Amino acid sequence: MFRTTVLLLAGMLMSSVAFAQAPAPAAAPAPAAAAAPAAATGCEAKAVGKNGKALAGAAKKSFMKKCEAGAAAPASDNGCAAKAIGKNGKPLAGAAKKSFMKKCEADSSKAATP
């Protein structure tokens, strides 16, 4: 009885070791990830989420809209966006930023005209 128990346990141990050493099947690369580097330009290349994956659907559409609008904005920027920082060192947001930008742009346009 002792001998059969030992043989049974040894057989179970050997079978679990054999399964543990079996190679894992290789995962196929995502088709979107493979095609992304070829078509990645400008905003399309920056459309990546926090998890490192490419954005899709509504998130991508929203990002692209903001990115393309932001690409045109620096031409009319007078450096006001870089100066929009609060007393605590954090960037201004919401109504405070809107008010600051309005005043800064008005001041810079006055300075530009002789």
N, C-alpha and C. Protein backbone atom coordinates (compact mmCIF):
# COMPACT_ATOMS: atom_id res chain seq x y z
N MET A 1 0.83 -1.18 0.00
CA MET A 1 0.00 0.00 0.00
C MET A 1 0.88 1.26 0.00
N PHE A 2 1.92 1.23 0.82
CA PHE A 2 2.83 2.36 0.88
C PHE A 2 3.52 2.56 -0.46
N ARG A 3 3.89 1.47 -1.07
CA ARG A 3 4.58 1.54 -2.35
C ARG A 3 3.67 2.11 -3.43
N THR A 4 2.42 1.74 -3.50
CA THR A 4 1.50 2.27 -4.50
C THR A 4 1.23 3.75 -4.27
N THR A 5 1.18 4.17 -3.02
CA THR A 5 0.96 5.58 -2.71
C THR A 5 2.15 6.41 -3.18
N VAL A 6 3.36 5.91 -2.94
CA VAL A 6 4.57 6.62 -3.37
C VAL A 6 4.61 6.69 -4.89
N LEU A 7 4.29 5.61 -5.56
CA LEU A 7 4.28 5.60 -7.03
C LEU A 7 3.23 6.56 -7.58
N LEU A 8 2.09 6.59 -6.95
CA LEU A 8 1.01 7.47 -7.38
C LEU A 8 1.44 8.94 -7.23
N LEU A 9 2.03 9.29 -6.08
CA LEU A 9 2.49 10.66 -5.86
C LEU A 9 3.62 11.02 -6.82
N ALA A 10 4.53 10.11 -7.06
CA ALA A 10 5.62 10.36 -8.00
C ALA A 10 5.09 10.58 -9.41
N GLY A 11 4.10 9.81 -9.80
CA GLY A 11 3.48 9.98 -11.12
C GLY A 11 2.80 11.33 -11.25
N MET A 12 2.11 11.75 -10.21
CA MET A 12 1.44 13.06 -10.23
C MET A 12 2.47 14.19 -10.31
N LEU A 13 3.56 14.03 -9.58
CA LEU A 13 4.61 15.04 -9.59
C LEU A 13 5.25 15.14 -10.97
N MET A 14 5.52 14.03 -11.59
CA MET A 14 6.14 14.01 -12.91
C MET A 14 5.21 14.61 -13.96
N SER A 15 3.93 14.33 -13.87
CA SER A 15 3.01 14.86 -14.87
C SER A 15 2.85 16.37 -14.72
N SER A 16 2.87 16.88 -13.49
CA SER A 16 2.74 18.34 -13.32
C SER A 16 4.00 19.04 -13.80
N VAL A 17 5.17 18.43 -13.64
CA VAL A 17 6.42 19.01 -14.12
C VAL A 17 6.42 19.04 -15.65
N ALA A 18 5.90 18.02 -16.27
CA ALA A 18 5.85 17.97 -17.73
C ALA A 18 4.94 19.06 -18.28
N PHE A 19 3.83 19.31 -17.63
CA PHE A 19 2.93 20.37 -18.09
C PHE A 19 3.54 21.75 -17.83
N ALA A 20 4.28 21.89 -16.75
CA ALA A 20 4.87 23.17 -16.44
C ALA A 20 5.96 23.55 -17.44
N GLN A 21 6.60 22.57 -18.06
CA GLN A 21 7.68 22.86 -18.99
C GLN A 21 7.19 23.01 -20.42
N ALA A 22 5.93 22.80 -20.67
CA ALA A 22 5.41 22.95 -22.02
C ALA A 22 5.52 24.42 -22.44
N PRO A 23 5.99 24.70 -23.64
CA PRO A 23 6.13 26.09 -24.08
C PRO A 23 4.76 26.73 -24.26
N ALA A 24 4.70 28.00 -23.92
CA ALA A 24 3.46 28.74 -24.08
C ALA A 24 3.27 29.08 -25.56
N PRO A 25 2.03 29.03 -26.05
CA PRO A 25 1.81 29.39 -27.45
C PRO A 25 2.10 30.87 -27.66
N ALA A 26 2.72 31.18 -28.77
CA ALA A 26 3.08 32.56 -29.09
C ALA A 26 1.82 33.35 -29.42
N ALA A 27 1.72 34.52 -28.82
CA ALA A 27 0.57 35.38 -29.08
C ALA A 27 0.78 36.11 -30.40
N ALA A 28 -0.27 36.17 -31.19
CA ALA A 28 -0.19 36.87 -32.49
C ALA A 28 -0.21 38.37 -32.24
N PRO A 29 0.60 39.15 -32.94
CA PRO A 29 0.60 40.60 -32.75
C PRO A 29 -0.72 41.19 -33.23
N ALA A 30 -1.12 42.24 -32.55
CA ALA A 30 -2.37 42.90 -32.92
C ALA A 30 -2.21 43.55 -34.29
N PRO A 31 -3.20 43.39 -35.19
CA PRO A 31 -3.07 43.99 -36.52
C PRO A 31 -3.02 45.51 -36.47
N ALA A 32 -3.70 46.15 -35.53
CA ALA A 32 -3.67 47.60 -35.44
C ALA A 32 -2.29 48.09 -35.01
N ALA A 33 -1.66 47.35 -34.11
CA ALA A 33 -0.33 47.75 -33.65
C ALA A 33 0.71 47.59 -34.75
N ALA A 34 0.55 46.61 -35.60
CA ALA A 34 1.50 46.40 -36.69
C ALA A 34 1.33 47.46 -37.77
N ALA A 35 0.12 47.91 -38.01
CA ALA A 35 -0.14 48.89 -39.05
C ALA A 35 0.11 50.32 -38.58
N ALA A 36 0.11 50.55 -37.27
CA ALA A 36 0.23 51.90 -36.73
C ALA A 36 1.54 52.59 -37.11
N PRO A 37 2.72 51.94 -37.00
CA PRO A 37 3.95 52.67 -37.33
C PRO A 37 4.01 53.14 -38.77
N ALA A 38 3.41 52.41 -39.68
CA ALA A 38 3.46 52.79 -41.09
C ALA A 38 2.63 54.05 -41.35
N ALA A 39 1.50 54.19 -40.66
CA ALA A 39 0.61 55.31 -40.92
C ALA A 39 0.69 56.39 -39.84
N ALA A 40 1.62 56.26 -38.90
CA ALA A 40 1.69 57.19 -37.79
C ALA A 40 2.36 58.50 -38.22
N THR A 41 1.58 59.57 -38.24
CA THR A 41 2.11 60.89 -38.54
C THR A 41 1.37 61.92 -37.71
N GLY A 42 2.05 62.88 -37.18
CA GLY A 42 1.43 63.98 -36.45
C GLY A 42 0.55 63.55 -35.30
N CYS A 43 -0.68 64.01 -35.33
CA CYS A 43 -1.63 63.72 -34.26
C CYS A 43 -1.95 62.23 -34.18
N GLU A 44 -1.94 61.56 -35.30
CA GLU A 44 -2.22 60.12 -35.33
C GLU A 44 -1.21 59.37 -34.48
N ALA A 45 0.03 59.79 -34.51
CA ALA A 45 1.07 59.13 -33.73
C ALA A 45 0.93 59.40 -32.24
N LYS A 46 0.37 60.53 -31.89
CA LYS A 46 0.21 60.90 -30.48
C LYS A 46 -1.07 60.33 -29.86
N ALA A 47 -1.94 59.73 -30.65
CA ALA A 47 -3.22 59.22 -30.17
C ALA A 47 -3.04 57.90 -29.43
N VAL A 48 -2.43 57.98 -28.24
CA VAL A 48 -2.16 56.80 -27.43
C VAL A 48 -2.72 57.03 -26.04
N GLY A 49 -3.39 56.04 -25.48
CA GLY A 49 -3.97 56.16 -24.15
C GLY A 49 -2.94 56.01 -23.05
N LYS A 50 -3.39 56.14 -21.80
CA LYS A 50 -2.51 56.02 -20.64
C LYS A 50 -1.91 54.62 -20.52
N ASN A 51 -2.63 53.63 -21.03
CA ASN A 51 -2.15 52.25 -20.94
C ASN A 51 -1.19 51.90 -22.07
N GLY A 52 -0.90 52.83 -22.95
CA GLY A 52 0.05 52.59 -24.02
C GLY A 52 -0.57 52.06 -25.30
N LYS A 53 -1.86 51.80 -25.29
CA LYS A 53 -2.53 51.29 -26.48
C LYS A 53 -3.08 52.46 -27.30
N ALA A 54 -3.25 52.23 -28.58
CA ALA A 54 -3.79 53.26 -29.47
C ALA A 54 -5.24 53.56 -29.11
N LEU A 55 -5.61 54.83 -29.17
CA LEU A 55 -6.99 55.22 -28.91
C LEU A 55 -7.88 54.75 -30.05
N ALA A 56 -9.15 54.53 -29.75
CA ALA A 56 -10.11 54.10 -30.76
C ALA A 56 -11.47 54.72 -30.47
N GLY A 57 -12.28 54.78 -31.48
CA GLY A 57 -13.66 55.24 -31.32
C GLY A 57 -13.77 56.70 -30.95
N ALA A 58 -14.68 57.00 -30.00
CA ALA A 58 -14.96 58.37 -29.60
C ALA A 58 -13.75 59.03 -28.96
N ALA A 59 -12.96 58.27 -28.21
CA ALA A 59 -11.78 58.84 -27.57
C ALA A 59 -10.79 59.33 -28.62
N LYS A 60 -10.60 58.54 -29.67
CA LYS A 60 -9.66 58.92 -30.73
C LYS A 60 -10.19 60.13 -31.49
N LYS A 61 -11.48 60.15 -31.76
CA LYS A 61 -12.08 61.26 -32.49
C LYS A 61 -11.92 62.56 -31.71
N SER A 62 -12.18 62.51 -30.41
CA SER A 62 -12.04 63.69 -29.56
C SER A 62 -10.59 64.15 -29.50
N PHE A 63 -9.67 63.20 -29.34
CA PHE A 63 -8.25 63.55 -29.29
C PHE A 63 -7.79 64.18 -30.59
N MET A 64 -8.18 63.59 -31.71
CA MET A 64 -7.76 64.12 -33.01
C MET A 64 -8.28 65.54 -33.23
N LYS A 65 -9.52 65.79 -32.81
CA LYS A 65 -10.11 67.11 -32.96
C LYS A 65 -9.32 68.14 -32.15
N LYS A 66 -8.99 67.79 -30.90
CA LYS A 66 -8.23 68.70 -30.04
C LYS A 66 -6.81 68.88 -30.56
N CYS A 67 -6.21 67.80 -31.01
CA CYS A 67 -4.82 67.87 -31.50
C CYS A 67 -4.72 68.72 -32.75
N GLU A 68 -5.62 68.53 -33.68
CA GLU A 68 -5.59 69.30 -34.92
C GLU A 68 -5.90 70.77 -34.66
N ALA A 69 -6.79 71.06 -33.71
CA ALA A 69 -7.08 72.45 -33.36
C ALA A 69 -5.87 73.05 -32.66
N GLY A 70 -5.19 72.28 -31.86
CA GLY A 70 -4.00 72.75 -31.14
C GLY A 70 -2.83 72.99 -32.06
N ALA A 71 -2.77 72.26 -33.16
CA ALA A 71 -1.68 72.42 -34.12
C ALA A 71 -1.76 73.78 -34.81
N ALA A 72 -2.96 74.31 -34.99
CA ALA A 72 -3.14 75.61 -35.64
C ALA A 72 -3.00 76.75 -34.63
N ALA A 73 -3.21 76.49 -33.35
CA ALA A 73 -3.21 77.55 -32.34
C ALA A 73 -1.84 78.19 -32.10
N PRO A 74 -0.72 77.47 -32.10
CA PRO A 74 0.55 78.12 -31.78
C PRO A 74 0.91 79.29 -32.69
N ALA A 75 0.39 79.34 -33.90
CA ALA A 75 0.71 80.44 -34.80
C ALA A 75 0.17 81.76 -34.26
N SER A 76 -0.97 81.75 -33.58
CA SER A 76 -1.55 82.98 -33.05
C SER A 76 -1.23 83.18 -31.58
N ASP A 77 -0.50 82.25 -30.96
CA ASP A 77 -0.18 82.33 -29.54
C ASP A 77 0.92 83.36 -29.32
N ASN A 78 0.74 84.21 -28.33
CA ASN A 78 1.71 85.24 -28.00
C ASN A 78 2.53 84.86 -26.77
N GLY A 79 2.55 83.60 -26.41
CA GLY A 79 3.25 83.17 -25.22
C GLY A 79 2.37 83.22 -23.99
N CYS A 80 1.12 83.56 -24.17
CA CYS A 80 0.21 83.68 -23.03
C CYS A 80 -0.07 82.32 -22.39
N ALA A 81 -0.16 81.29 -23.19
CA ALA A 81 -0.45 79.96 -22.64
C ALA A 81 0.67 79.50 -21.72
N ALA A 82 1.90 79.82 -22.05
CA ALA A 82 3.03 79.43 -21.22
C ALA A 82 3.05 80.22 -19.91
N LYS A 83 2.50 81.41 -19.92
CA LYS A 83 2.48 82.26 -18.73
C LYS A 83 1.28 81.99 -17.83
N ALA A 84 0.32 81.20 -18.28
CA ALA A 84 -0.92 80.96 -17.54
C ALA A 84 -0.68 79.99 -16.38
N ILE A 85 0.03 80.46 -15.36
CA ILE A 85 0.36 79.64 -14.20
C ILE A 85 -0.09 80.39 -12.95
N GLY A 86 -0.75 79.69 -12.06
CA GLY A 86 -1.26 80.31 -10.83
C GLY A 86 -0.18 80.53 -9.79
N LYS A 87 -0.57 81.11 -8.65
CA LYS A 87 0.37 81.41 -7.56
C LYS A 87 0.98 80.14 -6.97
N ASN A 88 0.23 79.04 -7.05
CA ASN A 88 0.71 77.78 -6.49
C ASN A 88 1.62 77.02 -7.44
N GLY A 89 1.86 77.56 -8.61
CA GLY A 89 2.76 76.93 -9.58
C GLY A 89 2.08 75.98 -10.53
N LYS A 90 0.79 75.77 -10.36
CA LYS A 90 0.05 74.87 -11.24
C LYS A 90 -0.56 75.66 -12.39
N PRO A 91 -0.77 75.03 -13.55
CA PRO A 91 -1.39 75.72 -14.69
C PRO A 91 -2.82 76.16 -14.36
N LEU A 92 -3.19 77.32 -14.85
CA LEU A 92 -4.56 77.80 -14.66
C LEU A 92 -5.53 76.95 -15.48
N ALA A 93 -6.78 76.88 -15.02
CA ALA A 93 -7.80 76.12 -15.73
C ALA A 93 -9.14 76.83 -15.58
N GLY A 94 -10.04 76.52 -16.48
CA GLY A 94 -11.41 77.03 -16.40
C GLY A 94 -11.50 78.53 -16.58
N ALA A 95 -12.34 79.17 -15.73
CA ALA A 95 -12.60 80.60 -15.85
C ALA A 95 -11.34 81.43 -15.58
N ALA A 96 -10.51 80.98 -14.66
CA ALA A 96 -9.28 81.72 -14.36
C ALA A 96 -8.37 81.77 -15.59
N LYS A 97 -8.24 80.66 -16.29
CA LYS A 97 -7.40 80.63 -17.48
C LYS A 97 -8.00 81.48 -18.59
N LYS A 98 -9.32 81.39 -18.75
CA LYS A 98 -9.99 82.17 -19.80
C LYS A 98 -9.79 83.67 -19.56
N SER A 99 -9.96 84.10 -18.31
CA SER A 99 -9.78 85.50 -17.97
C SER A 99 -8.34 85.94 -18.20
N PHE A 100 -7.39 85.12 -17.76
CA PHE A 100 -5.98 85.44 -17.94
C PHE A 100 -5.62 85.54 -19.41
N MET A 101 -6.07 84.59 -20.21
CA MET A 101 -5.75 84.58 -21.64
C MET A 101 -6.33 85.81 -22.32
N LYS A 102 -7.55 86.18 -21.97
CA LYS A 102 -8.19 87.34 -22.58
C LYS A 102 -7.38 88.60 -22.28
N LYS A 103 -6.99 88.77 -21.00
CA LYS A 103 -6.22 89.95 -20.61
C LYS A 103 -4.83 89.94 -21.25
N CYS A 104 -4.19 88.79 -21.26
CA CYS A 104 -2.84 88.68 -21.82
C CYS A 104 -2.84 88.98 -23.32
N GLU A 105 -3.80 88.44 -24.04
CA GLU A 105 -3.87 88.67 -25.48
C GLU A 105 -4.18 90.14 -25.78
N ALA A 106 -5.04 90.75 -24.96
CA ALA A 106 -5.34 92.17 -25.15
C ALA A 106 -4.10 93.01 -24.91
N ASP A 107 -3.35 92.67 -23.87
CA ASP A 107 -2.13 93.42 -23.55
C ASP A 107 -1.08 93.24 -24.66
N SER A 108 -0.95 92.04 -25.17
CA SER A 108 0.05 91.80 -26.20
C SER A 108 -0.32 92.46 -27.52
N SER A 109 -1.62 92.57 -27.81
CA SER A 109 -2.02 93.24 -29.05
C SER A 109 -1.82 94.75 -28.93
N LYS A 110 -1.98 95.30 -27.71
CA LYS A 110 -1.70 96.72 -27.50
C LYS A 110 -0.23 97.03 -27.66
N ALA A 111 0.60 96.11 -27.15
CA ALA A 111 2.05 96.30 -27.23
C ALA A 111 2.55 96.16 -28.68
N ALA A 112 1.85 95.36 -29.48
CA ALA A 112 2.28 95.13 -30.85
C ALA A 112 1.97 96.31 -31.77
N THR A 113 0.90 97.06 -31.45
CA THR A 113 0.54 98.21 -32.28
C THR A 113 1.28 99.45 -31.77
N PRO A 114 1.93 100.21 -32.67
CA PRO A 114 2.69 101.40 -32.24
C PRO A 114 1.82 102.58 -31.92
